[in-house]
Amino acid sequence: RLEFPCSIVSVSDGLEALEYLEGHDPYSDRSKFPLPKL
């Protein structure tokens, strides 16, 4: 609705978020899973 220029990556809990931020599989490719701004 906001037409906000961003990509949203959704994870279901803090442990999955930690894995994303640390770049563990399946999130190891930073071109597909970049570090978030927020």
PDB file of all heavy atoms in Angstrom:
ATOM      1  N   ARG A   1       0.829  -1.205   0.000  1.00  0.00           N
ATOM      2  CA  ARG A   1       0.000   0.000   0.000  1.00  0.00           C
ATOM      3  C   ARG A   1       0.870   1.264   0.000  1.00  0.00           C
ATOM      4  O   ARG A   1       0.540   2.252  -0.643  1.00  0.00           O
ATOM      5  CB  ARG A   1      -0.905  -0.028   1.218  1.00  0.00           C
ATOM      6  CG  ARG A   1      -1.922   1.052   1.261  1.00  0.00           C
ATOM      7  CD  ARG A   1      -2.691   0.917   2.556  1.00  0.00           C
ATOM      8  NE  ARG A   1      -4.090   1.065   2.290  1.00  0.00           N
ATOM      9  CZ  ARG A   1      -5.013   1.111   3.208  1.00  0.00           C
ATOM     10  NH1 ARG A   1      -4.672   0.973   4.477  1.00  0.00           N
ATOM     11  NH2 ARG A   1      -6.260   1.274   2.909  1.00  0.00           N
ATOM     12  N   LEU A   2       1.961   1.229   0.721  1.00  0.00           N
ATOM     13  CA  LEU A   2       2.875   2.364   0.797  1.00  0.00           C
ATOM     14  C   LEU A   2       3.751   2.496  -0.447  1.00  0.00           C
ATOM     15  O   LEU A   2       4.377   3.533  -0.655  1.00  0.00           O
ATOM     16  CB  LEU A   2       3.800   2.233   2.017  1.00  0.00           C
ATOM     17  CG  LEU A   2       3.161   2.370   3.371  1.00  0.00           C
ATOM     18  CD1 LEU A   2       4.159   2.007   4.465  1.00  0.00           C
ATOM     19  CD2 LEU A   2       2.637   3.783   3.571  1.00  0.00           C
ATOM     20  N   GLU A   3       3.805   1.417  -1.222  1.00  0.00           N
ATOM     21  CA  GLU A   3       4.718   1.364  -2.370  1.00  0.00           C
ATOM     22  C   GLU A   3       6.136   1.705  -1.926  1.00  0.00           C
ATOM     23  O   GLU A   3       6.846   2.475  -2.567  1.00  0.00           O
ATOM     24  CB  GLU A   3       4.233   2.281  -3.500  1.00  0.00           C
ATOM     25  CG  GLU A   3       2.881   1.890  -4.035  1.00  0.00           C
ATOM     26  CD  GLU A   3       2.365   2.815  -5.130  1.00  0.00           C
ATOM     27  OE1 GLU A   3       3.055   3.792  -5.487  1.00  0.00           O
ATOM     28  OE2 GLU A   3       1.266   2.553  -5.621  1.00  0.00           O
ATOM     29  N   PHE A   4       6.512   1.118  -0.794  1.00  0.00           N
ATOM     30  CA  PHE A   4       7.820   1.396  -0.202  1.00  0.00           C
ATOM     31  C   PHE A   4       8.905   0.648  -0.971  1.00  0.00           C
ATOM     32  O   PHE A   4       8.798  -0.561  -1.184  1.00  0.00           O
ATOM     33  CB  PHE A   4       7.809   0.986   1.278  1.00  0.00           C
ATOM     34  CG  PHE A   4       8.724   1.813   2.114  1.00  0.00           C
ATOM     35  CD1 PHE A   4       8.323   3.053   2.576  1.00  0.00           C
ATOM     36  CD2 PHE A   4       9.992   1.373   2.419  1.00  0.00           C
ATOM     37  CE1 PHE A   4       9.170   3.838   3.337  1.00  0.00           C
ATOM     38  CE2 PHE A   4      10.841   2.144   3.186  1.00  0.00           C
ATOM     39  CZ  PHE A   4      10.422   3.382   3.641  1.00  0.00           C
ATOM     40  N   PRO A   5       9.972   1.336  -1.398  1.00  0.00           N
ATOM     41  CA  PRO A   5      11.016   0.723  -2.231  1.00  0.00           C
ATOM     42  C   PRO A   5      11.982  -0.140  -1.416  1.00  0.00           C
ATOM     43  O   PRO A   5      13.051   0.312  -1.013  1.00  0.00           O
ATOM     44  CB  PRO A   5      11.734   1.934  -2.826  1.00  0.00           C
ATOM     45  CG  PRO A   5      11.586   2.997  -1.784  1.00  0.00           C
ATOM     46  CD  PRO A   5      10.233   2.755  -1.145  1.00  0.00           C
ATOM     47  N   CYS A   6      11.587  -1.381  -1.161  1.00  0.00           N
ATOM     48  CA  CYS A   6      12.454  -2.274  -0.394  1.00  0.00           C
ATOM     49  C   CYS A   6      12.072  -3.714  -0.683  1.00  0.00           C
ATOM     50  O   CYS A   6      11.065  -3.997  -1.314  1.00  0.00           O
ATOM     51  CB  CYS A   6      12.328  -1.982   1.098  1.00  0.00           C
ATOM     52  SG  CYS A   6      10.717  -2.389   1.764  1.00  0.00           S
ATOM     53  N   SER A   7      12.887  -4.589  -0.175  1.00  0.00           N
ATOM     54  CA  SER A   7      12.626  -6.015  -0.239  1.00  0.00           C
ATOM     55  C   SER A   7      12.392  -6.491   1.195  1.00  0.00           C
ATOM     56  O   SER A   7      13.155  -6.143   2.093  1.00  0.00           O
ATOM     57  CB  SER A   7      13.842  -6.716  -0.841  1.00  0.00           C
ATOM     58  OG  SER A   7      13.708  -8.103  -0.746  1.00  0.00           O
ATOM     59  N   ILE A   8      11.339  -7.269   1.399  1.00  0.00           N
ATOM     60  CA  ILE A   8      11.039  -7.784   2.739  1.00  0.00           C
ATOM     61  C   ILE A   8      11.385  -9.266   2.779  1.00  0.00           C
ATOM     62  O   ILE A   8      10.905 -10.042   1.953  1.00  0.00           O
ATOM     63  CB  ILE A   8       9.566  -7.592   3.108  1.00  0.00           C
ATOM     64  CG1 ILE A   8       9.215  -6.117   3.069  1.00  0.00           C
ATOM     65  CG2 ILE A   8       9.268  -8.193   4.479  1.00  0.00           C
ATOM     66  CD1 ILE A   8       7.740  -5.846   3.191  1.00  0.00           C
ATOM     67  N   VAL A   9      12.224  -9.624   3.729  1.00  0.00           N
ATOM     68  CA  VAL A   9      12.538 -11.029   3.979  1.00  0.00           C
ATOM     69  C   VAL A   9      11.875 -11.378   5.292  1.00  0.00           C
ATOM     70  O   VAL A   9      12.069 -10.694   6.304  1.00  0.00           O
ATOM     71  CB  VAL A   9      14.062 -11.264   4.073  1.00  0.00           C
ATOM     72  CG1 VAL A   9      14.349 -12.712   4.444  1.00  0.00           C
ATOM     73  CG2 VAL A   9      14.746 -10.897   2.774  1.00  0.00           C
ATOM     74  N   SER A  10      11.087 -12.435   5.279  1.00  0.00           N
ATOM     75  CA  SER A  10      10.351 -12.835   6.469  1.00  0.00           C
ATOM     76  C   SER A  10      10.887 -14.157   7.010  1.00  0.00           C
ATOM     77  O   SER A  10      11.077 -15.110   6.257  1.00  0.00           O
ATOM     78  CB  SER A  10       8.866 -12.985   6.112  1.00  0.00           C
ATOM     79  OG  SER A  10       8.135 -13.422   7.216  1.00  0.00           O
ATOM     80  N   VAL A  11      11.157 -14.178   8.321  1.00  0.00           N
ATOM     81  CA  VAL A  11      11.541 -15.405   9.015  1.00  0.00           C
ATOM     82  C   VAL A  11      10.601 -15.584  10.198  1.00  0.00           C
ATOM     83  O   VAL A  11       9.987 -14.632  10.656  1.00  0.00           O
ATOM     84  CB  VAL A  11      13.025 -15.381   9.461  1.00  0.00           C
ATOM     85  CG1 VAL A  11      13.948 -15.329   8.256  1.00  0.00           C
ATOM     86  CG2 VAL A  11      13.299 -14.229  10.403  1.00  0.00           C
ATOM     87  N   SER A  12      10.485 -16.814  10.692  1.00  0.00           N
ATOM     88  CA  SER A  12       9.426 -17.109  11.650  1.00  0.00           C
ATOM     89  C   SER A  12       9.814 -17.061  13.121  1.00  0.00           C
ATOM     90  O   SER A  12       8.947 -17.205  13.980  1.00  0.00           O
ATOM     91  CB  SER A  12       8.814 -18.474  11.335  1.00  0.00           C
ATOM     92  OG  SER A  12       9.802 -19.473  11.434  1.00  0.00           O
ATOM     93  N   ASP A  13      11.092 -16.874  13.427  1.00  0.00           N
ATOM     94  CA  ASP A  13      11.481 -16.747  14.836  1.00  0.00           C
ATOM     95  C   ASP A  13      12.888 -16.180  14.941  1.00  0.00           C
ATOM     96  O   ASP A  13      13.579 -16.010  13.937  1.00  0.00           O
ATOM     97  CB  ASP A  13      11.371 -18.083  15.585  1.00  0.00           C
ATOM     98  CG  ASP A  13      12.254 -19.182  15.027  1.00  0.00           C
ATOM     99  OD1 ASP A  13      13.461 -18.942  14.806  1.00  0.00           O
ATOM    100  OD2 ASP A  13      11.751 -20.299  14.814  1.00  0.00           O
ATOM    101  N   GLY A  14      13.300 -15.889  16.152  1.00  0.00           N
ATOM    102  CA  GLY A  14      14.593 -15.278  16.382  1.00  0.00           C
ATOM    103  C   GLY A  14      15.763 -16.150  15.977  1.00  0.00           C
ATOM    104  O   GLY A  14      16.784 -15.642  15.500  1.00  0.00           O
ATOM    105  N   LEU A  15      15.632 -17.455  16.132  1.00  0.00           N
ATOM    106  CA  LEU A  15      16.727 -18.344  15.755  1.00  0.00           C
ATOM    107  C   LEU A  15      16.937 -18.332  14.243  1.00  0.00           C
ATOM    108  O   LEU A  15      18.072 -18.271  13.766  1.00  0.00           O
ATOM    109  CB  LEU A  15      16.455 -19.764  16.254  1.00  0.00           C
ATOM    110  CG  LEU A  15      17.601 -20.758  16.127  1.00  0.00           C
ATOM    111  CD1 LEU A  15      18.855 -20.257  16.836  1.00  0.00           C
ATOM    112  CD2 LEU A  15      17.195 -22.113  16.670  1.00  0.00           C
ATOM    113  N   GLU A  16      15.854 -18.333  13.486  1.00  0.00           N
ATOM    114  CA  GLU A  16      15.975 -18.256  12.028  1.00  0.00           C
ATOM    115  C   GLU A  16      16.558 -16.886  11.619  1.00  0.00           C
ATOM    116  O   GLU A  16      17.351 -16.786  10.692  1.00  0.00           O
ATOM    117  CB  GLU A  16      14.625 -18.490  11.362  1.00  0.00           C
ATOM    118  CG  GLU A  16      14.722 -18.650   9.863  1.00  0.00           C
ATOM    119  CD  GLU A  16      13.393 -18.968   9.196  1.00  0.00           C
ATOM    120  OE1 GLU A  16      12.369 -19.150   9.890  1.00  0.00           O
ATOM    121  OE2 GLU A  16      13.377 -19.004   7.952  1.00  0.00           O
ATOM    122  N   ALA A  17      16.182 -15.843  12.340  1.00  0.00           N
ATOM    123  CA  ALA A  17      16.735 -14.506  12.076  1.00  0.00           C
ATOM    124  C   ALA A  17      18.233 -14.490  12.340  1.00  0.00           C
ATOM    125  O   ALA A  17      19.012 -13.921  11.566  1.00  0.00           O
ATOM    126  CB  ALA A  17      16.036 -13.461  12.937  1.00  0.00           C
ATOM    127  N   LEU A  18      18.657 -15.110  13.421  1.00  0.00           N
ATOM    128  CA  LEU A  18      20.075 -15.203  13.742  1.00  0.00           C
ATOM    129  C   LEU A  18      20.825 -15.930  12.627  1.00  0.00           C
ATOM    130  O   LEU A  18      21.886 -15.485  12.179  1.00  0.00           O
ATOM    131  CB  LEU A  18      20.215 -15.941  15.074  1.00  0.00           C
ATOM    132  CG  LEU A  18      21.595 -16.053  15.683  1.00  0.00           C
ATOM    133  CD1 LEU A  18      21.482 -15.970  17.200  1.00  0.00           C
ATOM    134  CD2 LEU A  18      22.234 -17.360  15.296  1.00  0.00           C
ATOM    135  N   GLU A  19      20.244 -17.023  12.125  1.00  0.00           N
ATOM    136  CA  GLU A  19      20.867 -17.779  11.037  1.00  0.00           C
ATOM    137  C   GLU A  19      20.968 -16.915   9.777  1.00  0.00           C
ATOM    138  O   GLU A  19      21.974 -16.943   9.073  1.00  0.00           O
ATOM    139  CB  GLU A  19      20.084 -19.059  10.771  1.00  0.00           C
ATOM    140  CG  GLU A  19      20.203 -20.057  11.904  1.00  0.00           C
ATOM    141  CD  GLU A  19      19.182 -21.190  11.841  1.00  0.00           C
ATOM    142  OE1 GLU A  19      18.292 -21.174  10.954  1.00  0.00           O
ATOM    143  OE2 GLU A  19      19.267 -22.088  12.692  1.00  0.00           O
ATOM    144  N   TYR A  20      19.928 -16.132   9.514  1.00  0.00           N
ATOM    145  CA  TYR A  20      19.941 -15.220   8.366  1.00  0.00           C
ATOM    146  C   TYR A  20      21.060 -14.184   8.519  1.00  0.00           C
ATOM    147  O   TYR A  20      21.857 -13.981   7.611  1.00  0.00           O
ATOM    148  CB  TYR A  20      18.586 -14.520   8.244  1.00  0.00           C
ATOM    149  CG  TYR A  20      18.524 -13.542   7.086  1.00  0.00           C
ATOM    150  CD1 TYR A  20      18.011 -13.936   5.855  1.00  0.00           C
ATOM    151  CD2 TYR A  20      18.993 -12.240   7.208  1.00  0.00           C
ATOM    152  CE1 TYR A  20      17.971 -13.061   4.782  1.00  0.00           C
ATOM    153  CE2 TYR A  20      18.964 -11.353   6.141  1.00  0.00           C
ATOM    154  CZ  TYR A  20      18.446 -11.764   4.936  1.00  0.00           C
ATOM    155  OH  TYR A  20      18.424 -10.891   3.872  1.00  0.00           O
ATOM    156  N   LEU A  21      21.110 -13.537   9.668  1.00  0.00           N
ATOM    157  CA  LEU A  21      22.095 -12.477   9.883  1.00  0.00           C
ATOM    158  C   LEU A  21      23.527 -13.001   9.882  1.00  0.00           C
ATOM    159  O   LEU A  21      24.452 -12.309   9.460  1.00  0.00           O
ATOM    160  CB  LEU A  21      21.793 -11.739  11.188  1.00  0.00           C
ATOM    161  CG  LEU A  21      20.515 -10.904  11.168  1.00  0.00           C
ATOM    162  CD1 LEU A  21      20.186 -10.407  12.567  1.00  0.00           C
ATOM    163  CD2 LEU A  21      20.632  -9.746  10.187  1.00  0.00           C
ATOM    164  N   GLU A  22      23.731 -14.209  10.356  1.00  0.00           N
ATOM    165  CA  GLU A  22      25.071 -14.801  10.359  1.00  0.00           C
ATOM    166  C   GLU A  22      25.453 -15.389   9.007  1.00  0.00           C
ATOM    167  O   GLU A  22      26.592 -15.773   8.804  1.00  0.00           O
ATOM    168  CB  GLU A  22      25.184 -15.871  11.444  1.00  0.00           C
ATOM    169  CG  GLU A  22      25.207 -15.298  12.849  1.00  0.00           C
ATOM    170  CD  GLU A  22      25.462 -16.352  13.896  1.00  0.00           C
ATOM    171  OE1 GLU A  22      25.076 -17.532  13.705  1.00  0.00           O
ATOM    172  OE2 GLU A  22      26.051 -16.008  14.928  1.00  0.00           O
ATOM    173  N   GLY A  23      24.493 -15.495   8.094  1.00  0.00           N
ATOM    174  CA  GLY A  23      24.772 -16.020   6.762  1.00  0.00           C
ATOM    175  C   GLY A  23      24.906 -17.521   6.694  1.00  0.00           C
ATOM    176  O   GLY A  23      25.602 -18.058   5.839  1.00  0.00           O
ATOM    177  N   HIS A  24      24.225 -18.222   7.598  1.00  0.00           N
ATOM    178  CA  HIS A  24      24.232 -19.687   7.556  1.00  0.00           C
ATOM    179  C   HIS A  24      23.259 -20.172   6.483  1.00  0.00           C
ATOM    180  O   HIS A  24      22.311 -19.477   6.130  1.00  0.00           O
ATOM    181  CB  HIS A  24      23.822 -20.278   8.915  1.00  0.00           C
ATOM    182  CG  HIS A  24      24.790 -19.976  10.009  1.00  0.00           C
ATOM    183  ND1 HIS A  24      26.088 -20.427  10.008  1.00  0.00           N
ATOM    184  CD2 HIS A  24      24.653 -19.238  11.137  1.00  0.00           C
ATOM    185  CE1 HIS A  24      26.708 -19.990  11.098  1.00  0.00           C
ATOM    186  NE2 HIS A  24      25.860 -19.262  11.792  1.00  0.00           N
ATOM    187  N   ASP A  25      23.494 -21.390   5.986  1.00  0.00           N
ATOM    188  CA  ASP A  25      22.569 -21.971   5.005  1.00  0.00           C
ATOM    189  C   ASP A  25      21.161 -21.994   5.575  1.00  0.00           C
ATOM    190  O   ASP A  25      20.999 -22.243   6.766  1.00  0.00           O
ATOM    191  CB  ASP A  25      22.997 -23.398   4.648  1.00  0.00           C
ATOM    192  CG  ASP A  25      24.183 -23.427   3.691  1.00  0.00           C
ATOM    193  OD1 ASP A  25      24.343 -22.450   2.947  1.00  0.00           O
ATOM    194  OD2 ASP A  25      24.921 -24.425   3.699  1.00  0.00           O
ATOM    195  N   PRO A  26      20.188 -21.674   4.804  1.00  0.00           N
ATOM    196  CA  PRO A  26      20.183 -21.403   3.368  1.00  0.00           C
ATOM    197  C   PRO A  26      20.408 -19.930   3.011  1.00  0.00           C
ATOM    198  O   PRO A  26      20.133 -19.509   1.892  1.00  0.00           O
ATOM    199  CB  PRO A  26      18.782 -21.823   2.950  1.00  0.00           C
ATOM    200  CG  PRO A  26      17.942 -21.458   4.138  1.00  0.00           C
ATOM    201  CD  PRO A  26      18.824 -21.713   5.348  1.00  0.00           C
ATOM    202  N   TYR A  27      20.898 -19.126   3.942  1.00  0.00           N
ATOM    203  CA  TYR A  27      21.039 -17.677   3.748  1.00  0.00           C
ATOM    204  C   TYR A  27      22.471 -17.230   3.455  1.00  0.00           C
ATOM    205  O   TYR A  27      22.812 -16.072   3.639  1.00  0.00           O
ATOM    206  CB  TYR A  27      20.534 -16.932   4.996  1.00  0.00           C
ATOM    207  CG  TYR A  27      19.143 -17.338   5.401  1.00  0.00           C
ATOM    208  CD1 TYR A  27      18.922 -18.050   6.575  1.00  0.00           C
ATOM    209  CD2 TYR A  27      18.049 -17.008   4.613  1.00  0.00           C
ATOM    210  CE1 TYR A  27      17.636 -18.414   6.956  1.00  0.00           C
ATOM    211  CE2 TYR A  27      16.762 -17.370   4.977  1.00  0.00           C
ATOM    212  CZ  TYR A  27      16.571 -18.076   6.151  1.00  0.00           C
ATOM    213  OH  TYR A  27      15.295 -18.429   6.516  1.00  0.00           O
ATOM    214  N   SER A  28      23.319 -18.131   3.000  1.00  0.00           N
ATOM    215  CA  SER A  28      24.738 -17.811   2.851  1.00  0.00           C
ATOM    216  C   SER A  28      25.048 -16.916   1.645  1.00  0.00           C
ATOM    217  O   SER A  28      26.076 -16.243   1.636  1.00  0.00           O
ATOM    218  CB  SER A  28      25.563 -19.095   2.773  1.00  0.00           C
ATOM    219  OG  SER A  28      25.094 -19.897   1.704  1.00  0.00           O
ATOM    220  N   ASP A  29      24.190 -16.877   0.655  1.00  0.00           N
ATOM    221  CA  ASP A  29      24.425 -16.054  -0.531  1.00  0.00           C
ATOM    222  C   ASP A  29      23.933 -14.633  -0.270  1.00  0.00           C
ATOM    223  O   ASP A  29      22.745 -14.347  -0.333  1.00  0.00           O
ATOM    224  CB  ASP A  29      23.703 -16.659  -1.736  1.00  0.00           C
ATOM    225  CG  ASP A  29      23.988 -15.929  -3.034  1.00  0.00           C
ATOM    226  OD1 ASP A  29      24.565 -14.814  -3.006  1.00  0.00           O
ATOM    227  OD2 ASP A  29      23.606 -16.468  -4.088  1.00  0.00           O
ATOM    228  N   ARG A  30      24.872 -13.712   0.022  1.00  0.00           N
ATOM    229  CA  ARG A  30      24.503 -12.330   0.364  1.00  0.00           C
ATOM    230  C   ARG A  30      23.916 -11.562  -0.820  1.00  0.00           C
ATOM    231  O   ARG A  30      23.258 -10.554  -0.619  1.00  0.00           O
ATOM    232  CB  ARG A  30      25.694 -11.572   0.955  1.00  0.00           C
ATOM    233  CG  ARG A  30      25.951 -11.942   2.392  1.00  0.00           C
ATOM    234  CD  ARG A  30      24.809 -11.462   3.278  1.00  0.00           C
ATOM    235  NE  ARG A  30      25.023 -11.881   4.644  1.00  0.00           N
ATOM    236  CZ  ARG A  30      24.076 -12.312   5.450  1.00  0.00           C
ATOM    237  NH1 ARG A  30      22.833 -12.371   5.050  1.00  0.00           N
ATOM    238  NH2 ARG A  30      24.346 -12.679   6.667  1.00  0.00           N
ATOM    239  N   SER A  31      24.118 -12.042  -2.045  1.00  0.00           N
ATOM    240  CA  SER A  31      23.467 -11.370  -3.171  1.00  0.00           C
ATOM    241  C   SER A  31      21.964 -11.665  -3.164  1.00  0.00           C
ATOM    242  O   SER A  31      21.172 -10.837  -3.591  1.00  0.00           O
ATOM    243  CB  SER A  31      24.096 -11.784  -4.502  1.00  0.00           C
ATOM    244  OG  SER A  31      23.887 -13.160  -4.751  1.00  0.00           O
ATOM    245  N   LYS A  32      21.580 -12.806  -2.652  1.00  0.00           N
ATOM    246  CA  LYS A  32      20.158 -13.161  -2.533  1.00  0.00           C
ATOM    247  C   LYS A  32      19.590 -12.764  -1.168  1.00  0.00           C
ATOM    248  O   LYS A  32      18.410 -12.481  -1.053  1.00  0.00           O
ATOM    249  CB  LYS A  32      19.963 -14.671  -2.722  1.00  0.00           C
ATOM    250  CG  LYS A  32      20.218 -15.157  -4.107  1.00  0.00           C
ATOM    251  CD  LYS A  32      19.977 -16.650  -4.187  1.00  0.00           C
ATOM    252  CE  LYS A  32      20.341 -17.183  -5.558  1.00  0.00           C
ATOM    253  NZ  LYS A  32      20.192 -18.644  -5.623  1.00  0.00           N
ATOM    254  N   PHE A  33      20.430 -12.803  -0.151  1.00  0.00           N
ATOM    255  CA  PHE A  33      20.002 -12.531   1.225  1.00  0.00           C
ATOM    256  C   PHE A  33      20.899 -11.469   1.860  1.00  0.00           C
ATOM    257  O   PHE A  33      21.706 -11.766   2.745  1.00  0.00           O
ATOM    258  CB  PHE A  33      20.035 -13.816   2.062  1.00  0.00           C
ATOM    259  CG  PHE A  33      19.199 -14.919   1.492  1.00  0.00           C
ATOM    260  CD1 PHE A  33      19.774 -15.982   0.812  1.00  0.00           C
ATOM    261  CD2 PHE A  33      17.813 -14.892   1.620  1.00  0.00           C
ATOM    262  CE1 PHE A  33      19.003 -16.997   0.273  1.00  0.00           C
ATOM    263  CE2 PHE A  33      17.029 -15.899   1.091  1.00  0.00           C
ATOM    264  CZ  PHE A  33      17.624 -16.955   0.415  1.00  0.00           C
ATOM    265  N   PRO A  34      20.771 -10.216   1.416  1.00  0.00           N
ATOM    266  CA  PRO A  34      21.638  -9.153   1.950  1.00  0.00           C
ATOM    267  C   PRO A  34      21.297  -8.817   3.401  1.00  0.00           C
ATOM    268  O   PRO A  34      20.186  -9.086   3.881  1.00  0.00           O
ATOM    269  CB  PRO A  34      21.338  -7.967   1.032  1.00  0.00           C
ATOM    270  CG  PRO A  34      19.979  -8.231   0.503  1.00  0.00           C
ATOM    271  CD  PRO A  34      19.829  -9.727   0.422  1.00  0.00           C
ATOM    272  N   LEU A  35      22.264  -8.220   4.071  1.00  0.00           N
ATOM    273  CA  LEU A  35      22.000  -7.754   5.426  1.00  0.00           C
ATOM    274  C   LEU A  35      20.920  -6.678   5.372  1.00  0.00           C
ATOM    275  O   LEU A  35      20.897  -5.862   4.456  1.00  0.00           O
ATOM    276  CB  LEU A  35      23.267  -7.204   6.066  1.00  0.00           C
ATOM    277  CG  LEU A  35      24.298  -8.250   6.471  1.00  0.00           C
ATOM    278  CD1 LEU A  35      25.579  -7.567   6.930  1.00  0.00           C
ATOM    279  CD2 LEU A  35      23.760  -9.157   7.553  1.00  0.00           C
ATOM    280  N   PRO A  36      20.024  -6.676   6.334  1.00  0.00           N
ATOM    281  CA  PRO A  36      18.932  -5.697   6.308  1.00  0.00           C
ATOM    282  C   PRO A  36      19.371  -4.314   6.768  1.00  0.00           C
ATOM    283  O   PRO A  36      20.368  -4.164   7.468  1.00  0.00           O
ATOM    284  CB  PRO A  36      17.925  -6.292   7.294  1.00  0.00           C
ATOM    285  CG  PRO A  36      18.764  -7.050   8.262  1.00  0.00           C
ATOM    286  CD  PRO A  36      19.913  -7.607   7.456  1.00  0.00           C
ATOM    287  N   LYS A  37      18.596  -3.325   6.385  1.00  0.00           N
ATOM    288  CA  LYS A  37      18.770  -1.955   6.881  1.00  0.00           C
ATOM    289  C   LYS A  37      17.966  -1.748   8.154  1.00  0.00           C
ATOM    290  O   LYS A  37      18.226  -0.830   8.916  1.00  0.00           O
ATOM    291  CB  LYS A  37      18.287  -0.941   5.839  1.00  0.00           C
ATOM    292  CG  LYS A  37      19.133  -0.861   4.618  1.00  0.00           C
ATOM    293  CD  LYS A  37      20.266   0.080   4.830  1.00  0.00           C
ATOM    294  CE  LYS A  37      21.015   0.284   3.527  1.00  0.00           C
ATOM    295  NZ  LYS A  37      21.982   1.322   3.612  1.00  0.00           N
ATOM    296  N   LEU A  38      16.964  -2.630   8.366  1.00  0.00           N
ATOM    297  CA  LEU A  38      16.027  -2.469   9.472  1.00  0.00           C
ATOM    298  C   LEU A  38      15.437  -3.824   9.812  1.00  0.00           C
ATOM    299  O   LEU A  38      15.264  -4.665   8.925  1.00  0.00           O
ATOM    300  CB  LEU A  38      14.906  -1.510   9.047  1.00  0.00           C
ATOM    301  CG  LEU A  38      13.770  -1.261  10.024  1.00  0.00           C
ATOM    302  CD1 LEU A  38      14.222  -0.261  11.085  1.00  0.00           C
ATOM    303  CD2 LEU A  38      12.562  -0.710   9.292  1.00  0.00           C
TER     304      LEU A  38
END
